N, C-alpha and C. Protein backbone atom coordinates (compact mmCIF):
# COMPACT_ATOMS: atom_id res chain seq x y z
N MET A 1 41.75 7.09 72.86
CA MET A 1 41.21 6.42 71.88
C MET A 1 42.14 5.58 71.07
N ASP A 2 41.79 4.16 70.81
CA ASP A 2 42.64 3.19 70.36
C ASP A 2 42.45 3.57 68.99
N VAL A 3 43.67 3.99 68.16
CA VAL A 3 44.00 3.74 66.78
C VAL A 3 43.74 2.34 66.10
N ASN A 4 44.14 1.59 66.45
CA ASN A 4 43.95 0.36 65.79
C ASN A 4 42.52 -0.07 65.85
N ASN A 5 41.66 0.21 66.82
CA ASN A 5 40.37 -0.24 66.83
C ASN A 5 39.57 0.81 65.92
N GLN A 6 40.29 2.24 65.72
CA GLN A 6 39.49 2.90 64.82
C GLN A 6 39.57 2.68 63.20
N TYR A 7 40.70 2.03 63.02
CA TYR A 7 41.11 1.97 61.68
C TYR A 7 40.50 0.38 61.28
N GLY A 8 40.43 -0.33 62.53
CA GLY A 8 39.75 -1.80 62.27
C GLY A 8 38.19 -1.61 61.92
N SER A 9 37.59 -0.65 62.92
CA SER A 9 36.04 -0.43 62.41
C SER A 9 36.00 0.41 61.17
N LEU A 10 36.91 1.08 60.67
CA LEU A 10 36.64 1.71 59.53
C LEU A 10 36.98 0.65 58.30
N GLU A 11 37.98 -0.04 58.48
CA GLU A 11 38.28 -0.95 57.55
C GLU A 11 36.95 -2.10 57.28
N GLU A 12 36.16 -2.28 58.38
CA GLU A 12 35.05 -3.01 58.55
C GLU A 12 33.66 -2.24 57.80
N GLU A 13 33.73 -1.21 58.05
CA GLU A 13 32.44 -0.40 57.65
C GLU A 13 32.86 -0.42 55.91
N PHE A 14 34.33 0.06 55.45
CA PHE A 14 34.52 -0.05 54.30
C PHE A 14 34.33 -1.40 53.63
N THR A 15 34.65 -2.29 54.04
CA THR A 15 34.52 -3.75 53.47
C THR A 15 32.97 -3.80 53.57
N ILE A 16 31.83 -3.54 54.20
CA ILE A 16 30.34 -3.67 54.25
C ILE A 16 29.89 -3.08 53.09
N VAL A 17 30.46 -1.48 52.93
CA VAL A 17 30.12 -0.41 51.97
C VAL A 17 30.37 -1.27 50.56
N ILE A 18 31.64 -1.53 50.43
CA ILE A 18 32.13 -2.25 49.08
C ILE A 18 31.26 -3.60 48.80
N ALA A 19 31.08 -4.25 49.92
CA ALA A 19 30.03 -5.54 49.38
C ALA A 19 28.82 -5.23 49.00
N GLN A 20 28.28 -4.18 49.79
CA GLN A 20 26.91 -3.45 49.20
C GLN A 20 26.92 -3.20 47.87
N LYS A 21 27.84 -2.42 47.47
CA LYS A 21 28.03 -1.86 46.02
C LYS A 21 28.19 -2.63 44.96
N ILE A 22 28.97 -4.15 45.40
CA ILE A 22 29.16 -5.33 44.59
C ILE A 22 27.86 -5.69 44.29
N ASN A 23 27.01 -6.17 45.82
CA ASN A 23 25.75 -6.71 45.40
C ASN A 23 24.71 -5.89 44.37
N ASN A 24 24.88 -4.48 44.53
CA ASN A 24 24.04 -3.56 43.84
C ASN A 24 24.30 -3.88 42.43
N ILE A 25 26.04 -3.89 42.03
CA ILE A 25 26.10 -4.03 40.69
C ILE A 25 25.86 -5.54 40.19
N GLU A 26 25.85 -6.38 41.01
CA GLU A 26 25.51 -7.72 40.31
C GLU A 26 24.16 -7.74 40.18
N GLU A 27 23.32 -7.15 40.97
CA GLU A 27 21.85 -6.82 40.87
C GLU A 27 21.38 -6.23 39.34
N GLN A 28 21.90 -5.19 39.11
CA GLN A 28 21.91 -4.22 38.03
C GLN A 28 22.36 -5.18 36.88
N LYS A 29 23.57 -6.02 36.97
CA LYS A 29 24.11 -6.87 35.80
C LYS A 29 22.94 -7.74 35.66
N LYS A 30 22.46 -8.55 36.20
CA LYS A 30 21.21 -9.45 36.09
C LYS A 30 19.94 -8.83 35.90
N ILE A 31 19.56 -7.63 36.02
CA ILE A 31 18.52 -7.17 35.40
C ILE A 31 19.04 -6.64 33.87
N ILE A 32 20.20 -6.11 33.88
CA ILE A 32 20.57 -5.94 32.11
C ILE A 32 20.31 -7.15 31.41
N GLN A 33 21.12 -8.04 32.22
CA GLN A 33 20.63 -9.37 31.27
C GLN A 33 19.75 -9.73 30.90
N ASN A 34 18.97 -9.72 32.00
CA ASN A 34 17.26 -10.12 31.49
C ASN A 34 16.59 -9.43 30.48
N ASN A 35 17.00 -7.85 30.68
CA ASN A 35 16.52 -7.04 29.56
C ASN A 35 16.98 -7.11 28.33
N VAL A 36 18.05 -7.49 27.73
CA VAL A 36 19.39 -7.79 27.00
C VAL A 36 18.39 -9.28 26.19
N GLU A 37 18.08 -10.28 27.18
CA GLU A 37 17.29 -11.35 26.80
C GLU A 37 16.20 -11.41 26.45
N LYS A 38 15.40 -10.38 27.00
CA LYS A 38 14.00 -10.00 26.45
C LYS A 38 14.27 -9.12 25.09
N MET A 39 15.06 -8.28 24.95
CA MET A 39 15.24 -7.51 23.95
C MET A 39 15.63 -8.66 22.55
N ASN A 40 16.34 -9.73 22.85
CA ASN A 40 16.85 -10.48 21.80
C ASN A 40 15.60 -11.04 21.36
N THR A 41 14.66 -11.64 22.26
CA THR A 41 13.36 -12.19 22.07
C THR A 41 12.55 -11.52 21.06
N ASP A 42 12.47 -10.21 21.34
CA ASP A 42 11.71 -9.53 20.84
C ASP A 42 12.13 -9.27 19.25
N VAL A 43 13.71 -9.11 19.42
CA VAL A 43 13.88 -8.92 17.77
C VAL A 43 13.52 -10.09 16.93
N VAL A 44 14.23 -11.21 17.65
CA VAL A 44 13.48 -12.47 16.68
C VAL A 44 12.15 -12.45 16.59
N LYS A 45 11.27 -12.24 17.34
CA LYS A 45 9.77 -12.00 17.01
C LYS A 45 9.60 -11.31 15.98
N ILE A 46 10.26 -10.00 15.84
CA ILE A 46 10.18 -9.21 15.16
C ILE A 46 10.55 -9.25 13.44
N ASN A 47 11.76 -10.21 13.75
CA ASN A 47 12.26 -10.03 12.51
C ASN A 47 11.35 -11.46 11.90
N GLU A 48 10.78 -12.27 12.67
CA GLU A 48 9.61 -13.34 11.87
C GLU A 48 8.49 -12.56 11.36
N GLU A 49 8.05 -11.39 12.32
CA GLU A 49 6.85 -11.05 11.86
C GLU A 49 7.20 -10.36 10.43
N LEU A 50 8.37 -9.58 10.11
CA LEU A 50 9.07 -8.54 9.15
C LEU A 50 9.02 -9.86 7.87
N LYS A 51 9.49 -11.11 8.34
CA LYS A 51 9.93 -12.13 7.20
C LYS A 51 8.39 -12.57 6.40
N THR A 52 7.23 -12.41 7.29
CA THR A 52 5.92 -12.97 7.13
C THR A 52 5.69 -11.67 6.18
N GLU A 53 5.54 -10.65 6.60
CA GLU A 53 5.15 -9.48 6.01
C GLU A 53 5.58 -9.24 4.16
N VAL A 54 6.92 -9.49 4.47
CA VAL A 54 7.64 -9.28 3.13
C VAL A 54 7.14 -10.51 2.41
N ASN A 55 7.29 -11.73 2.75
CA ASN A 55 6.46 -12.76 2.14
C ASN A 55 5.24 -12.31 1.35
N THR A 56 4.33 -11.83 2.08
CA THR A 56 2.87 -11.12 1.96
C THR A 56 2.99 -10.46 0.77
N ILE A 57 3.79 -9.49 0.89
CA ILE A 57 3.98 -8.47 -0.02
C ILE A 57 4.72 -8.96 -1.14
N ASN A 58 5.66 -9.67 -1.39
CA ASN A 58 6.29 -10.54 -2.57
C ASN A 58 4.94 -11.14 -3.34
N SER A 59 4.06 -11.97 -2.66
CA SER A 59 2.87 -12.34 -3.27
C SER A 59 2.12 -11.64 -3.82
N GLU A 60 2.04 -10.76 -2.83
CA GLU A 60 0.74 -9.41 -3.92
C GLU A 60 1.38 -8.74 -4.97
N ILE A 61 2.59 -8.69 -5.07
CA ILE A 61 3.65 -8.17 -6.21
C ILE A 61 3.50 -9.01 -7.12
N ASN A 62 3.71 -10.31 -6.79
CA ASN A 62 3.53 -11.49 -7.79
C ASN A 62 2.36 -11.87 -8.58
N GLY A 63 1.06 -11.41 -7.59
CA GLY A 63 0.17 -11.44 -8.11
C GLY A 63 -0.29 -10.26 -9.03
N ILE A 64 -0.20 -9.14 -8.77
CA ILE A 64 -0.03 -7.93 -9.51
C ILE A 64 0.59 -8.15 -10.94
N LYS A 65 2.06 -8.74 -10.78
CA LYS A 65 2.46 -8.90 -11.98
C LYS A 65 1.98 -9.60 -12.85
N ASN A 66 1.22 -11.01 -12.10
CA ASN A 66 0.39 -11.86 -13.39
C ASN A 66 -1.15 -11.26 -13.89
N GLN A 67 -1.60 -10.05 -13.05
CA GLN A 67 -2.62 -9.41 -13.84
C GLN A 67 -1.88 -8.47 -14.94
N ILE A 68 -0.87 -8.11 -14.52
CA ILE A 68 -0.58 -7.06 -15.68
C ILE A 68 -0.07 -8.01 -17.05
N ASN A 69 0.63 -9.22 -16.69
CA ASN A 69 0.94 -10.12 -17.93
C ASN A 69 -0.43 -10.53 -18.59
N THR A 70 -1.63 -10.93 -17.90
CA THR A 70 -2.61 -10.94 -18.21
C THR A 70 -2.94 -9.93 -19.10
N ILE A 71 -3.32 -8.45 -18.40
CA ILE A 71 -3.97 -7.63 -19.35
C ILE A 71 -2.97 -7.25 -20.23
N SER A 72 -1.77 -7.37 -20.68
CA SER A 72 -0.95 -7.14 -21.83
C SER A 72 -1.30 -8.37 -23.03
N ASP A 73 -1.47 -9.56 -22.30
CA ASP A 73 -1.91 -10.44 -23.30
C ASP A 73 -3.54 -10.23 -23.82
N ASP A 74 -4.23 -9.67 -23.63
CA ASP A 74 -5.49 -9.23 -23.31
C ASP A 74 -5.32 -8.32 -24.77
N ILE A 75 -4.43 -7.23 -24.01
CA ILE A 75 -4.15 -6.25 -25.27
C ILE A 75 -3.98 -6.85 -26.54
N ASN A 76 -3.07 -7.56 -26.30
CA ASN A 76 -2.44 -7.97 -27.75
C ASN A 76 -3.46 -8.98 -28.48
N THR A 77 -4.19 -9.65 -27.77
CA THR A 77 -5.24 -10.36 -28.46
C THR A 77 -6.05 -9.62 -29.11
N LEU A 78 -6.46 -8.27 -28.44
CA LEU A 78 -7.47 -7.18 -28.77
C LEU A 78 -6.82 -6.88 -30.32
N LYS A 79 -5.55 -6.33 -30.48
CA LYS A 79 -4.86 -5.59 -31.18
C LYS A 79 -4.74 -6.47 -32.30
N ASP A 80 -4.70 -7.97 -32.25
CA ASP A 80 -4.45 -9.04 -33.57
C ASP A 80 -5.89 -8.95 -33.76
N ASN A 81 -7.29 -8.82 -33.08
CA ASN A 81 -8.63 -8.99 -33.49
C ASN A 81 -8.78 -7.74 -34.20
N MET A 82 -8.25 -6.57 -33.83
CA MET A 82 -8.65 -5.44 -34.35
C MET A 82 -8.10 -5.67 -35.53
N ASN A 83 -7.01 -5.87 -35.84
CA ASN A 83 -6.17 -5.89 -37.47
C ASN A 83 -6.80 -6.88 -38.25
N LEU A 84 -7.50 -8.13 -37.42
CA LEU A 84 -8.29 -9.06 -38.59
C LEU A 84 -9.44 -8.20 -39.05
N ILE A 85 -10.16 -7.85 -38.01
CA ILE A 85 -11.29 -6.86 -38.47
C ILE A 85 -11.17 -5.81 -39.57
N ILE A 86 -9.89 -5.25 -39.76
CA ILE A 86 -9.21 -4.41 -40.59
C ILE A 86 -9.14 -5.01 -41.91
N ALA A 87 -8.44 -5.83 -41.71
CA ALA A 87 -8.25 -6.70 -42.94
C ALA A 87 -9.62 -7.22 -43.59
N LEU A 88 -10.47 -7.60 -43.00
CA LEU A 88 -11.76 -8.45 -43.44
C LEU A 88 -12.62 -7.19 -43.78
N LEU A 89 -12.82 -5.96 -43.21
CA LEU A 89 -13.24 -4.80 -43.60
C LEU A 89 -12.72 -4.42 -44.91
N GLN A 90 -11.18 -4.27 -45.17
CA GLN A 90 -10.84 -3.87 -46.64
C GLN A 90 -11.10 -4.87 -47.52
N ASN A 91 -11.19 -6.28 -47.22
CA ASN A 91 -11.37 -7.26 -47.86
C ASN A 91 -12.76 -7.01 -48.53
N ASN A 92 -13.75 -6.37 -47.65
CA ASN A 92 -15.43 -6.40 -48.05
C ASN A 92 -15.25 -5.39 -48.76
N GLN A 93 -14.74 -4.27 -48.61
CA GLN A 93 -14.48 -3.16 -49.22
C GLN A 93 -14.32 -3.28 -51.02
N MET A 94 -13.02 -4.04 -50.79
CA MET A 94 -12.52 -4.54 -52.46
C MET A 94 -13.79 -5.43 -53.08
N ASP A 95 -14.35 -6.29 -52.04
CA ASP A 95 -15.42 -6.93 -52.54
C ASP A 95 -16.46 -6.32 -53.15
N ASN A 96 -16.74 -5.26 -52.38
CA ASN A 96 -17.94 -3.99 -52.73
C ASN A 96 -17.67 -3.59 -54.04
N ASN A 97 -16.40 -3.05 -54.14
CA ASN A 97 -16.07 -2.42 -55.25
C ASN A 97 -15.93 -2.87 -56.73
N SER A 98 -15.62 -4.49 -56.50
CA SER A 98 -15.57 -5.17 -57.36
C SER A 98 -16.90 -5.78 -57.83
N SER A 99 -17.81 -5.84 -56.93
CA SER A 99 -19.34 -6.04 -57.09
C SER A 99 -19.71 -4.99 -57.91
N SER A 100 -19.13 -3.69 -57.44
CA SER A 100 -20.23 -2.49 -57.89
C SER A 100 -19.85 -2.35 -59.23
N ASN A 101 -18.12 -2.33 -59.46
CA ASN A 101 -17.84 -2.58 -61.12
C ASN A 101 -18.58 -3.52 -62.03
N ASN A 102 -19.01 -4.51 -61.21
CA ASN A 102 -19.48 -5.66 -61.94
C ASN A 102 -21.21 -5.48 -62.15
N ASN A 103 -21.74 -4.59 -61.60
CA ASN A 103 -22.95 -4.40 -61.59
C ASN A 103 -22.93 -2.79 -62.70
N ASN A 104 -22.23 -2.55 -62.48
CA ASN A 104 -22.08 -1.16 -63.57
C ASN A 104 -21.58 -1.91 -64.73
N ALA A 105 -21.11 -2.90 -65.10
CA ALA A 105 -20.73 -3.15 -66.46
C ALA A 105 -21.86 -4.14 -66.86
N THR A 106 -22.66 -4.60 -66.11
CA THR A 106 -23.89 -5.42 -66.44
C THR A 106 -24.98 -4.10 -66.97
N LYS A 107 -25.19 -3.02 -66.04
CA LYS A 107 -25.98 -2.26 -66.29
C LYS A 107 -25.85 -1.39 -67.38
N LEU A 108 -24.62 -1.01 -68.17
CA LEU A 108 -24.59 -0.24 -69.07
C LEU A 108 -25.04 -1.13 -70.37
N PRO A 109 -24.91 -2.35 -70.69
CA PRO A 109 -25.75 -3.01 -71.81
C PRO A 109 -27.11 -2.48 -71.39
N ASN A 110 -27.54 -2.65 -70.68
CA ASN A 110 -29.21 -2.69 -70.10
C ASN A 110 -29.58 -1.52 -70.53
N SER A 111 -28.91 -0.24 -70.33
CA SER A 111 -29.11 0.89 -70.31
C SER A 111 -28.99 1.41 -71.70
N ARG A 112 -28.08 0.63 -72.57
CA ARG A 112 -28.47 0.91 -73.82
C ARG A 112 -29.40 0.24 -74.46
N LYS A 113 -29.98 -0.85 -74.15
CA LYS A 113 -30.82 -1.34 -74.86
C LYS A 113 -32.21 -0.40 -74.93
N LYS A 114 -32.40 0.22 -73.82
CA LYS A 114 -33.54 0.82 -73.39
C LYS A 114 -33.64 2.08 -74.50
């Protein structure tokens, strides 16, 4: 058996195996690169969707804030109206008391005449 021939064929086989391994690694590298590109595209899409959702939520929050402000304004208006009504009722009560006193004053002399 020729030693040079034996090493020559082993070297050839070794070279073929290494070349196949390199090709496999290159293919896996391409697959990984494609997957990374797809994931990056997905991340961009997800970010855009999240931005849209956040904007929608912020709009809804602003709408709720506006409703709260409107309700607060309505409550303040009701308080003002209630205070006005109380003042009018007190004024009316004072007028009634004054009128009642006037009526009593005018009735006293009339009752004396009888």
